Amino acid sequence: MADRYKVDQRAALFGGRSRTGGNAIGRSADTNLEGHAHRETLEQQNDSRLSELEAKVSQLKDITRGIGRETKESLGFLDNLGATMDKAGSLLKGTLGQLTTMTSAKSGRSGLLICGFIMLFVALYFLSSLRGGGAAPGADASGPAAAALAGAKSLRQGGNATVR
C-alpha cells in the first residue's frame, strides 16, 4: 500500500498531460503553448517547402513543354531536309544522265566543254585555297564562288543548246 503514493494513479488511469513529473498544474498550459508554437512553425516550414516544390514542378513543366516544342520543330526541319535531299538527288541523277548522253556522243565540242568546265573548277578551287578559303558567309558575291556559279550557268545554257 505504501507504493500507491509513488505512482501518479490519475496519470496512469487517464494518461498524463505532461511528460514531466511533479506538479503539472502550472506547467501544462506552458507546454501546450510551446507545443502549439512548435506545430505552427512546422506547418509554416511545410507550407514554404510545398510552395518551393510547386515552383520547381512548374519550372520542370515549362522545360518539358519547351523540349516538346523543340522536338516538333526539329522533326519538321528534318522532314523538310529529307524532301530537299530527295529533290537534290533527283537533280543529280538528271544531270548525270545528261552528262552520260553528252559524253556518249562522239562530238569534239561536248568533250572540250566538259574538260574546260573541269579545268575552270580546278583553277577556281586552287585560287580560293590560296586566298584563304573563299568568302565568308554574308559577304558580297564577287569571289571565286560567284565566278564558278556564272560559269555553271553559261555551261548549262550552252550544254542545253548542244544536246538539242
N, C-alpha and C. Protein backbone atom coordinates (compact mmCIF):
# COMPACT_ATOMS: atom_id res chain seq x y z
N MET A 1 0.78 -1.18 0.00
CA MET A 1 0.00 0.00 0.00
C MET A 1 0.83 1.26 0.00
N ALA A 2 2.00 1.15 0.46
CA ALA A 2 2.87 2.32 0.51
C ALA A 2 3.33 2.70 -0.89
N ASP A 3 3.29 1.74 -1.80
CA ASP A 3 3.73 2.01 -3.16
C ASP A 3 2.70 2.82 -3.95
N ARG A 4 1.50 2.88 -3.50
CA ARG A 4 0.49 3.58 -4.29
C ARG A 4 0.70 5.07 -4.32
N TYR A 5 1.46 5.66 -3.41
CA TYR A 5 1.72 7.10 -3.41
C TYR A 5 2.91 7.46 -4.31
N LYS A 6 3.71 6.49 -4.70
CA LYS A 6 4.86 6.76 -5.57
C LYS A 6 4.44 6.93 -7.03
N VAL A 7 3.36 6.32 -7.44
CA VAL A 7 2.89 6.38 -8.81
C VAL A 7 1.67 7.30 -8.88
N ASP A 8 1.64 8.15 -9.86
CA ASP A 8 0.50 9.03 -10.05
C ASP A 8 -0.63 8.20 -10.64
N GLN A 9 -1.60 7.86 -9.81
CA GLN A 9 -2.67 6.98 -10.24
C GLN A 9 -3.58 7.63 -11.28
N ARG A 10 -3.80 8.92 -11.16
CA ARG A 10 -4.65 9.61 -12.13
C ARG A 10 -4.00 9.62 -13.51
N ALA A 11 -2.69 9.86 -13.55
CA ALA A 11 -1.97 9.89 -14.82
C ALA A 11 -1.93 8.50 -15.44
N ALA A 12 -1.80 7.47 -14.61
CA ALA A 12 -1.78 6.10 -15.12
C ALA A 12 -3.13 5.71 -15.66
N LEU A 13 -4.21 6.22 -15.03
CA LEU A 13 -5.55 5.87 -15.45
C LEU A 13 -6.02 6.64 -16.68
N PHE A 14 -5.82 7.97 -16.69
CA PHE A 14 -6.33 8.81 -17.78
C PHE A 14 -5.26 9.26 -18.77
N GLY A 15 -4.04 9.00 -18.51
CA GLY A 15 -2.96 9.46 -19.37
C GLY A 15 -2.46 10.81 -18.89
N GLY A 16 -1.18 10.94 -18.89
CA GLY A 16 -0.60 12.18 -18.39
C GLY A 16 -0.62 13.27 -19.44
N ARG A 17 -0.82 14.50 -18.98
CA ARG A 17 -0.79 15.63 -19.89
C ARG A 17 0.62 16.14 -20.09
N SER A 18 1.41 15.92 -19.17
CA SER A 18 2.78 16.40 -19.29
C SER A 18 3.71 15.25 -19.05
N ARG A 19 4.84 15.27 -19.72
CA ARG A 19 5.79 14.18 -19.58
C ARG A 19 6.70 14.37 -18.37
N THR A 20 6.65 15.52 -17.82
CA THR A 20 7.49 15.77 -16.64
C THR A 20 6.73 15.34 -15.40
N GLY A 21 7.46 14.94 -14.43
CA GLY A 21 6.84 14.51 -13.19
C GLY A 21 6.55 15.71 -12.29
N GLY A 22 5.97 15.45 -11.17
CA GLY A 22 5.73 16.50 -10.20
C GLY A 22 4.43 17.23 -10.47
N ASN A 23 4.39 18.47 -10.06
CA ASN A 23 3.18 19.28 -10.18
C ASN A 23 3.03 19.75 -11.62
N ALA A 24 2.04 19.24 -12.32
CA ALA A 24 1.84 19.56 -13.72
C ALA A 24 0.78 20.63 -13.92
N ILE A 25 0.24 21.14 -12.87
CA ILE A 25 -0.86 22.09 -13.00
C ILE A 25 -0.36 23.40 -13.61
N GLY A 26 0.70 23.93 -13.17
CA GLY A 26 1.20 25.20 -13.69
C GLY A 26 1.93 25.05 -15.01
N ARG A 27 2.47 23.89 -15.28
CA ARG A 27 3.30 23.69 -16.48
C ARG A 27 2.51 23.23 -17.69
N SER A 28 1.34 22.68 -17.55
CA SER A 28 0.62 22.12 -18.68
C SER A 28 0.22 23.21 -19.68
N ALA A 29 -0.15 24.36 -19.24
CA ALA A 29 -0.52 25.44 -20.14
C ALA A 29 0.69 25.91 -20.93
N ASP A 30 1.85 26.02 -20.25
CA ASP A 30 3.07 26.43 -20.95
C ASP A 30 3.49 25.38 -21.97
N THR A 31 3.37 24.12 -21.62
CA THR A 31 3.75 23.04 -22.52
C THR A 31 2.84 23.02 -23.73
N ASN A 32 1.55 23.23 -23.54
CA ASN A 32 0.62 23.26 -24.66
C ASN A 32 0.93 24.43 -25.59
N LEU A 33 1.26 25.58 -25.01
CA LEU A 33 1.60 26.74 -25.84
C LEU A 33 2.89 26.49 -26.62
N GLU A 34 3.86 25.90 -25.98
CA GLU A 34 5.11 25.58 -26.67
C GLU A 34 4.88 24.55 -27.77
N GLY A 35 4.07 23.54 -27.50
CA GLY A 35 3.76 22.53 -28.49
C GLY A 35 2.99 23.13 -29.67
N HIS A 36 2.05 24.03 -29.35
CA HIS A 36 1.29 24.68 -30.41
C HIS A 36 2.20 25.56 -31.27
N ALA A 37 3.08 26.29 -30.64
CA ALA A 37 4.02 27.14 -31.39
C ALA A 37 4.95 26.28 -32.25
N HIS A 38 5.36 25.16 -31.72
CA HIS A 38 6.23 24.25 -32.48
C HIS A 38 5.48 23.69 -33.69
N ARG A 39 4.21 23.31 -33.48
CA ARG A 39 3.41 22.81 -34.59
C ARG A 39 3.18 23.89 -35.64
N GLU A 40 2.96 25.11 -35.22
CA GLU A 40 2.78 26.23 -36.16
C GLU A 40 4.05 26.46 -36.98
N THR A 41 5.19 26.36 -36.32
CA THR A 41 6.47 26.53 -37.02
C THR A 41 6.65 25.43 -38.06
N LEU A 42 6.33 24.21 -37.68
CA LEU A 42 6.43 23.09 -38.61
C LEU A 42 5.47 23.27 -39.80
N GLU A 43 4.24 23.75 -39.52
CA GLU A 43 3.28 23.99 -40.59
C GLU A 43 3.79 25.06 -41.56
N GLN A 44 4.38 26.12 -41.02
CA GLN A 44 4.93 27.18 -41.88
C GLN A 44 6.08 26.65 -42.73
N GLN A 45 6.94 25.83 -42.12
CA GLN A 45 8.03 25.23 -42.88
C GLN A 45 7.49 24.31 -43.98
N ASN A 46 6.48 23.52 -43.65
CA ASN A 46 5.87 22.65 -44.65
C ASN A 46 5.25 23.45 -45.78
N ASP A 47 4.56 24.55 -45.43
CA ASP A 47 3.96 25.39 -46.46
C ASP A 47 5.02 26.02 -47.37
N SER A 48 6.11 26.48 -46.77
CA SER A 48 7.17 27.09 -47.60
C SER A 48 7.84 26.04 -48.49
N ARG A 49 8.06 24.86 -47.94
CA ARG A 49 8.66 23.80 -48.76
C ARG A 49 7.69 23.34 -49.86
N LEU A 50 6.42 23.32 -49.55
CA LEU A 50 5.42 22.96 -50.54
C LEU A 50 5.38 23.98 -51.68
N SER A 51 5.45 25.26 -51.34
CA SER A 51 5.46 26.29 -52.39
C SER A 51 6.74 26.21 -53.22
N GLU A 52 7.88 25.91 -52.60
CA GLU A 52 9.13 25.71 -53.35
C GLU A 52 8.99 24.52 -54.30
N LEU A 53 8.40 23.45 -53.82
CA LEU A 53 8.20 22.26 -54.64
C LEU A 53 7.27 22.56 -55.81
N GLU A 54 6.21 23.32 -55.56
CA GLU A 54 5.29 23.70 -56.64
C GLU A 54 6.02 24.54 -57.68
N ALA A 55 6.89 25.44 -57.24
CA ALA A 55 7.64 26.27 -58.19
C ALA A 55 8.59 25.41 -59.03
N LYS A 56 9.23 24.43 -58.40
CA LYS A 56 10.13 23.55 -59.15
C LYS A 56 9.36 22.68 -60.13
N VAL A 57 8.21 22.21 -59.74
CA VAL A 57 7.38 21.40 -60.64
C VAL A 57 6.93 22.25 -61.82
N SER A 58 6.57 23.50 -61.55
CA SER A 58 6.17 24.41 -62.62
C SER A 58 7.33 24.65 -63.59
N GLN A 59 8.53 24.83 -63.05
CA GLN A 59 9.71 25.00 -63.91
C GLN A 59 9.93 23.77 -64.77
N LEU A 60 9.84 22.60 -64.18
CA LEU A 60 10.02 21.35 -64.93
C LEU A 60 8.96 21.19 -66.01
N LYS A 61 7.75 21.61 -65.70
CA LYS A 61 6.67 21.53 -66.68
C LYS A 61 6.96 22.46 -67.86
N ASP A 62 7.44 23.67 -67.58
CA ASP A 62 7.80 24.61 -68.65
C ASP A 62 8.96 24.07 -69.48
N ILE A 63 9.94 23.49 -68.83
CA ILE A 63 11.09 22.92 -69.55
C ILE A 63 10.63 21.77 -70.43
N THR A 64 9.74 20.93 -69.91
CA THR A 64 9.24 19.80 -70.68
C THR A 64 8.46 20.28 -71.91
N ARG A 65 7.65 21.31 -71.74
CA ARG A 65 6.92 21.87 -72.88
C ARG A 65 7.89 22.43 -73.91
N GLY A 66 8.94 23.10 -73.45
CA GLY A 66 9.95 23.64 -74.37
C GLY A 66 10.66 22.54 -75.13
N ILE A 67 10.98 21.46 -74.44
CA ILE A 67 11.62 20.32 -75.12
C ILE A 67 10.69 19.72 -76.16
N GLY A 68 9.41 19.60 -75.82
CA GLY A 68 8.44 19.07 -76.78
C GLY A 68 8.31 19.97 -78.01
N ARG A 69 8.29 21.29 -77.78
CA ARG A 69 8.20 22.23 -78.90
C ARG A 69 9.44 22.14 -79.78
N GLU A 70 10.61 22.09 -79.18
CA GLU A 70 11.86 21.97 -79.95
C GLU A 70 11.90 20.67 -80.73
N THR A 71 11.40 19.59 -80.12
CA THR A 71 11.38 18.30 -80.80
C THR A 71 10.50 18.35 -82.04
N LYS A 72 9.31 18.95 -81.90
CA LYS A 72 8.41 19.06 -83.05
C LYS A 72 9.04 19.91 -84.15
N GLU A 73 9.68 21.02 -83.77
CA GLU A 73 10.33 21.87 -84.77
C GLU A 73 11.48 21.13 -85.46
N SER A 74 12.24 20.38 -84.69
CA SER A 74 13.36 19.63 -85.26
C SER A 74 12.88 18.54 -86.21
N LEU A 75 11.81 17.87 -85.83
CA LEU A 75 11.26 16.84 -86.72
C LEU A 75 10.75 17.45 -88.02
N GLY A 76 10.10 18.60 -87.93
CA GLY A 76 9.65 19.29 -89.14
C GLY A 76 10.82 19.70 -90.01
N PHE A 77 11.88 20.20 -89.36
CA PHE A 77 13.07 20.59 -90.11
C PHE A 77 13.71 19.39 -90.79
N LEU A 78 13.78 18.26 -90.08
CA LEU A 78 14.37 17.05 -90.66
C LEU A 78 13.53 16.50 -91.82
N ASP A 79 12.21 16.58 -91.68
CA ASP A 79 11.35 16.15 -92.80
C ASP A 79 11.58 17.03 -94.02
N ASN A 80 11.68 18.35 -93.79
CA ASN A 80 11.93 19.28 -94.89
C ASN A 80 13.31 19.02 -95.50
N LEU A 81 14.28 18.74 -94.67
CA LEU A 81 15.63 18.45 -95.15
C LEU A 81 15.64 17.17 -95.99
N GLY A 82 14.91 16.15 -95.56
CA GLY A 82 14.82 14.91 -96.32
C GLY A 82 14.19 15.13 -97.68
N ALA A 83 13.13 15.95 -97.73
CA ALA A 83 12.49 16.24 -99.02
C ALA A 83 13.44 17.01 -99.94
N THR A 84 14.18 17.94 -99.35
CA THR A 84 15.14 18.72 -100.14
C THR A 84 16.26 17.82 -100.67
N MET A 85 16.71 16.89 -99.85
CA MET A 85 17.76 15.98 -100.30
C MET A 85 17.25 15.05 -101.41
N ASP A 86 15.99 14.65 -101.32
CA ASP A 86 15.42 13.84 -102.39
C ASP A 86 15.38 14.61 -103.71
N LYS A 87 15.01 15.90 -103.61
CA LYS A 87 14.99 16.74 -104.81
C LYS A 87 16.40 16.89 -105.38
N ALA A 88 17.37 17.11 -104.48
CA ALA A 88 18.76 17.26 -104.95
C ALA A 88 19.25 15.96 -105.59
N GLY A 89 18.88 14.82 -105.03
CA GLY A 89 19.27 13.54 -105.60
C GLY A 89 18.70 13.33 -106.99
N SER A 90 17.43 13.71 -107.15
CA SER A 90 16.82 13.55 -108.49
C SER A 90 17.46 14.51 -109.49
N LEU A 91 17.81 15.74 -109.03
CA LEU A 91 18.51 16.67 -109.94
C LEU A 91 19.88 16.13 -110.33
N LEU A 92 20.59 15.53 -109.38
CA LEU A 92 21.90 14.97 -109.70
C LEU A 92 21.77 13.79 -110.65
N LYS A 93 20.73 12.97 -110.47
CA LYS A 93 20.52 11.86 -111.41
C LYS A 93 20.26 12.37 -112.82
N GLY A 94 19.45 13.43 -112.90
CA GLY A 94 19.18 14.03 -114.20
C GLY A 94 20.43 14.61 -114.83
N THR A 95 21.24 15.28 -114.02
CA THR A 95 22.49 15.86 -114.53
C THR A 95 23.43 14.76 -114.98
N LEU A 96 23.52 13.69 -114.22
CA LEU A 96 24.38 12.57 -114.60
C LEU A 96 23.90 11.94 -115.91
N GLY A 97 22.59 11.82 -116.05
CA GLY A 97 22.05 11.28 -117.31
C GLY A 97 22.39 12.17 -118.50
N GLN A 98 22.29 13.50 -118.30
CA GLN A 98 22.64 14.43 -119.38
C GLN A 98 24.13 14.35 -119.70
N LEU A 99 24.97 14.25 -118.68
CA LEU A 99 26.42 14.14 -118.92
C LEU A 99 26.74 12.83 -119.64
N THR A 100 26.06 11.76 -119.27
CA THR A 100 26.29 10.48 -119.93
C THR A 100 25.89 10.58 -121.40
N THR A 101 24.76 11.23 -121.66
CA THR A 101 24.31 11.41 -123.04
C THR A 101 25.30 12.27 -123.82
N MET A 102 25.79 13.32 -123.18
CA MET A 102 26.69 14.24 -123.86
C MET A 102 28.04 13.57 -124.13
N THR A 103 28.54 12.78 -123.21
CA THR A 103 29.83 12.13 -123.42
C THR A 103 29.73 10.94 -124.37
N SER A 104 28.55 10.34 -124.46
CA SER A 104 28.41 9.22 -125.37
C SER A 104 28.39 9.69 -126.82
N ALA A 105 27.96 10.93 -127.05
CA ALA A 105 28.03 11.49 -128.40
C ALA A 105 29.49 11.73 -128.73
N LYS A 106 29.90 11.39 -129.92
CA LYS A 106 31.32 11.44 -130.28
C LYS A 106 31.73 12.82 -130.82
N SER A 107 31.02 13.87 -130.44
CA SER A 107 31.40 15.18 -130.96
C SER A 107 32.53 15.74 -130.11
N GLY A 108 33.44 16.45 -130.70
CA GLY A 108 34.59 17.02 -130.01
C GLY A 108 34.22 18.22 -129.17
N ARG A 109 33.16 18.92 -129.55
CA ARG A 109 32.79 20.14 -128.83
C ARG A 109 32.31 19.82 -127.41
N SER A 110 31.52 18.79 -127.22
CA SER A 110 31.00 18.47 -125.89
C SER A 110 32.12 17.99 -124.97
N GLY A 111 33.07 17.22 -125.50
CA GLY A 111 34.20 16.79 -124.68
C GLY A 111 35.06 17.96 -124.26
N LEU A 112 35.29 18.91 -125.16
CA LEU A 112 36.05 20.11 -124.82
C LEU A 112 35.31 20.96 -123.79
N LEU A 113 34.00 21.03 -123.89
CA LEU A 113 33.20 21.80 -122.95
C LEU A 113 33.31 21.21 -121.54
N ILE A 114 33.22 19.89 -121.45
CA ILE A 114 33.34 19.23 -120.14
C ILE A 114 34.74 19.42 -119.58
N CYS A 115 35.75 19.25 -120.42
CA CYS A 115 37.14 19.42 -119.98
C CYS A 115 37.38 20.86 -119.53
N GLY A 116 36.85 21.81 -120.25
CA GLY A 116 37.00 23.23 -119.87
C GLY A 116 36.33 23.53 -118.55
N PHE A 117 35.14 22.98 -118.33
CA PHE A 117 34.44 23.19 -117.05
C PHE A 117 35.24 22.60 -115.89
N ILE A 118 35.79 21.41 -116.08
CA ILE A 118 36.59 20.78 -115.02
C ILE A 118 37.84 21.60 -114.74
N MET A 119 38.50 22.10 -115.77
CA MET A 119 39.70 22.92 -115.59
C MET A 119 39.35 24.24 -114.89
N LEU A 120 38.20 24.84 -115.24
CA LEU A 120 37.76 26.07 -114.58
C LEU A 120 37.51 25.81 -113.10
N PHE A 121 36.85 24.71 -112.80
CA PHE A 121 36.57 24.38 -111.40
C PHE A 121 37.86 24.16 -110.61
N VAL A 122 38.83 23.44 -111.19
CA VAL A 122 40.10 23.18 -110.51
C VAL A 122 40.85 24.49 -110.29
N ALA A 123 40.85 25.37 -111.30
CA ALA A 123 41.56 26.65 -111.16
C ALA A 123 40.90 27.52 -110.09
N LEU A 124 39.58 27.57 -110.06
CA LEU A 124 38.89 28.35 -109.03
C LEU A 124 39.12 27.77 -107.64
N TYR A 125 39.15 26.48 -107.55
CA TYR A 125 39.41 25.84 -106.25
C TYR A 125 40.83 26.17 -105.78
N PHE A 126 41.77 26.11 -106.68
CA PHE A 126 43.16 26.42 -106.34
C PHE A 126 43.29 27.87 -105.92
N LEU A 127 42.67 28.78 -106.64
CA LEU A 127 42.74 30.20 -106.29
C LEU A 127 42.05 30.48 -104.95
N SER A 128 40.93 29.83 -104.70
CA SER A 128 40.25 30.07 -103.43
C SER A 128 41.04 29.51 -102.26
N SER A 129 41.76 28.40 -102.47
CA SER A 129 42.57 27.86 -101.37
C SER A 129 43.78 28.75 -101.10
N LEU A 130 44.31 29.40 -102.13
CA LEU A 130 45.42 30.34 -101.92
C LEU A 130 44.93 31.60 -101.21
N ARG A 131 43.73 32.01 -101.53
CA ARG A 131 43.17 33.23 -100.96
C ARG A 131 42.78 33.04 -99.49
N GLY A 132 42.49 31.85 -99.09
CA GLY A 132 42.15 31.63 -97.68
C GLY A 132 40.80 31.00 -97.49
N GLY A 133 40.29 30.28 -98.43
CA GLY A 133 39.05 29.55 -98.22
C GLY A 133 37.83 30.19 -98.81
N GLY A 134 37.95 31.30 -99.49
CA GLY A 134 36.78 31.91 -100.14
C GLY A 134 36.14 32.95 -99.26
N ALA A 135 34.98 33.41 -99.67
CA ALA A 135 34.29 34.50 -98.98
C ALA A 135 33.59 33.97 -97.73
N ALA A 136 33.50 34.83 -96.74
CA ALA A 136 32.82 34.49 -95.51
C ALA A 136 31.31 34.58 -95.74
N PRO A 137 30.51 33.90 -94.91
CA PRO A 137 29.06 33.99 -95.06
C PRO A 137 28.60 35.43 -94.89
N GLY A 138 27.73 35.87 -95.76
CA GLY A 138 27.21 37.23 -95.68
C GLY A 138 28.05 38.23 -96.45
N ALA A 139 29.15 37.81 -97.01
CA ALA A 139 29.99 38.73 -97.78
C ALA A 139 29.42 38.87 -99.18
N ASP A 140 29.95 39.85 -99.92
CA ASP A 140 29.44 40.06 -101.27
C ASP A 140 29.84 38.90 -102.17
N ALA A 141 29.07 38.70 -103.24
CA ALA A 141 29.29 37.56 -104.13
C ALA A 141 30.17 37.98 -105.30
N SER A 142 31.42 38.33 -105.03
CA SER A 142 32.32 38.72 -106.11
C SER A 142 33.59 37.88 -106.10
N GLY A 143 33.54 36.72 -105.46
CA GLY A 143 34.73 35.87 -105.35
C GLY A 143 34.69 34.73 -106.34
N PRO A 144 35.52 33.73 -106.10
CA PRO A 144 35.59 32.58 -107.00
C PRO A 144 34.29 31.78 -107.05
N ALA A 145 33.55 31.76 -105.96
CA ALA A 145 32.29 31.02 -105.96
C ALA A 145 31.30 31.64 -106.93
N ALA A 146 31.26 32.99 -106.96
CA ALA A 146 30.36 33.67 -107.89
C ALA A 146 30.79 33.41 -109.33
N ALA A 147 32.10 33.38 -109.58
CA ALA A 147 32.60 33.11 -110.93
C ALA A 147 32.26 31.67 -111.34
N ALA A 148 32.37 30.72 -110.40
CA ALA A 148 32.04 29.34 -110.71
C ALA A 148 30.55 29.20 -110.99
N LEU A 149 29.72 29.94 -110.23
CA LEU A 149 28.28 29.90 -110.46
C LEU A 149 27.94 30.47 -111.83
N ALA A 150 28.58 31.60 -112.18
CA ALA A 150 28.34 32.20 -113.50
C ALA A 150 28.80 31.25 -114.61
N GLY A 151 29.92 30.58 -114.41
CA GLY A 151 30.41 29.61 -115.39
C GLY A 151 29.48 28.43 -115.53
N ALA A 152 28.90 27.98 -114.43
CA ALA A 152 27.98 26.86 -114.47
C ALA A 152 26.70 27.25 -115.21
N LYS A 153 26.23 28.50 -115.00
CA LYS A 153 25.03 28.95 -115.71
C LYS A 153 25.28 29.02 -117.21
N SER A 154 26.44 29.56 -117.58
CA SER A 154 26.72 29.65 -119.01
C SER A 154 26.93 28.26 -119.61
N LEU A 155 27.52 27.35 -118.85
CA LEU A 155 27.71 25.98 -119.32
C LEU A 155 26.37 25.29 -119.50
N ARG A 156 25.45 25.53 -118.56
CA ARG A 156 24.13 24.91 -118.63
C ARG A 156 23.39 25.41 -119.88
N GLN A 157 23.50 26.71 -120.14
CA GLN A 157 22.83 27.26 -121.32
C GLN A 157 23.49 26.71 -122.60
N GLY A 158 24.79 26.66 -122.62
CA GLY A 158 25.50 26.13 -123.78
C GLY A 158 25.31 24.63 -123.91
N GLY A 159 25.26 23.91 -122.78
CA GLY A 159 25.10 22.45 -122.80
C GLY A 159 23.72 22.06 -123.31
N ASN A 160 22.68 22.82 -122.92
CA ASN A 160 21.33 22.51 -123.39
C ASN A 160 21.21 22.76 -124.89
N ALA A 161 21.93 23.75 -125.39
CA ALA A 161 21.84 24.06 -126.82
C ALA A 161 22.49 22.97 -127.64
N THR A 162 23.59 22.35 -127.15
CA THR A 162 24.27 21.33 -127.93
C THR A 162 23.54 20.00 -127.87
N VAL A 163 22.83 19.72 -126.77
CA VAL A 163 22.12 18.44 -126.65
C VAL A 163 20.95 18.39 -127.61
N ARG A 164 20.28 19.52 -127.80
CA ARG A 164 19.12 19.56 -128.71
C ARG A 164 19.60 19.40 -130.08
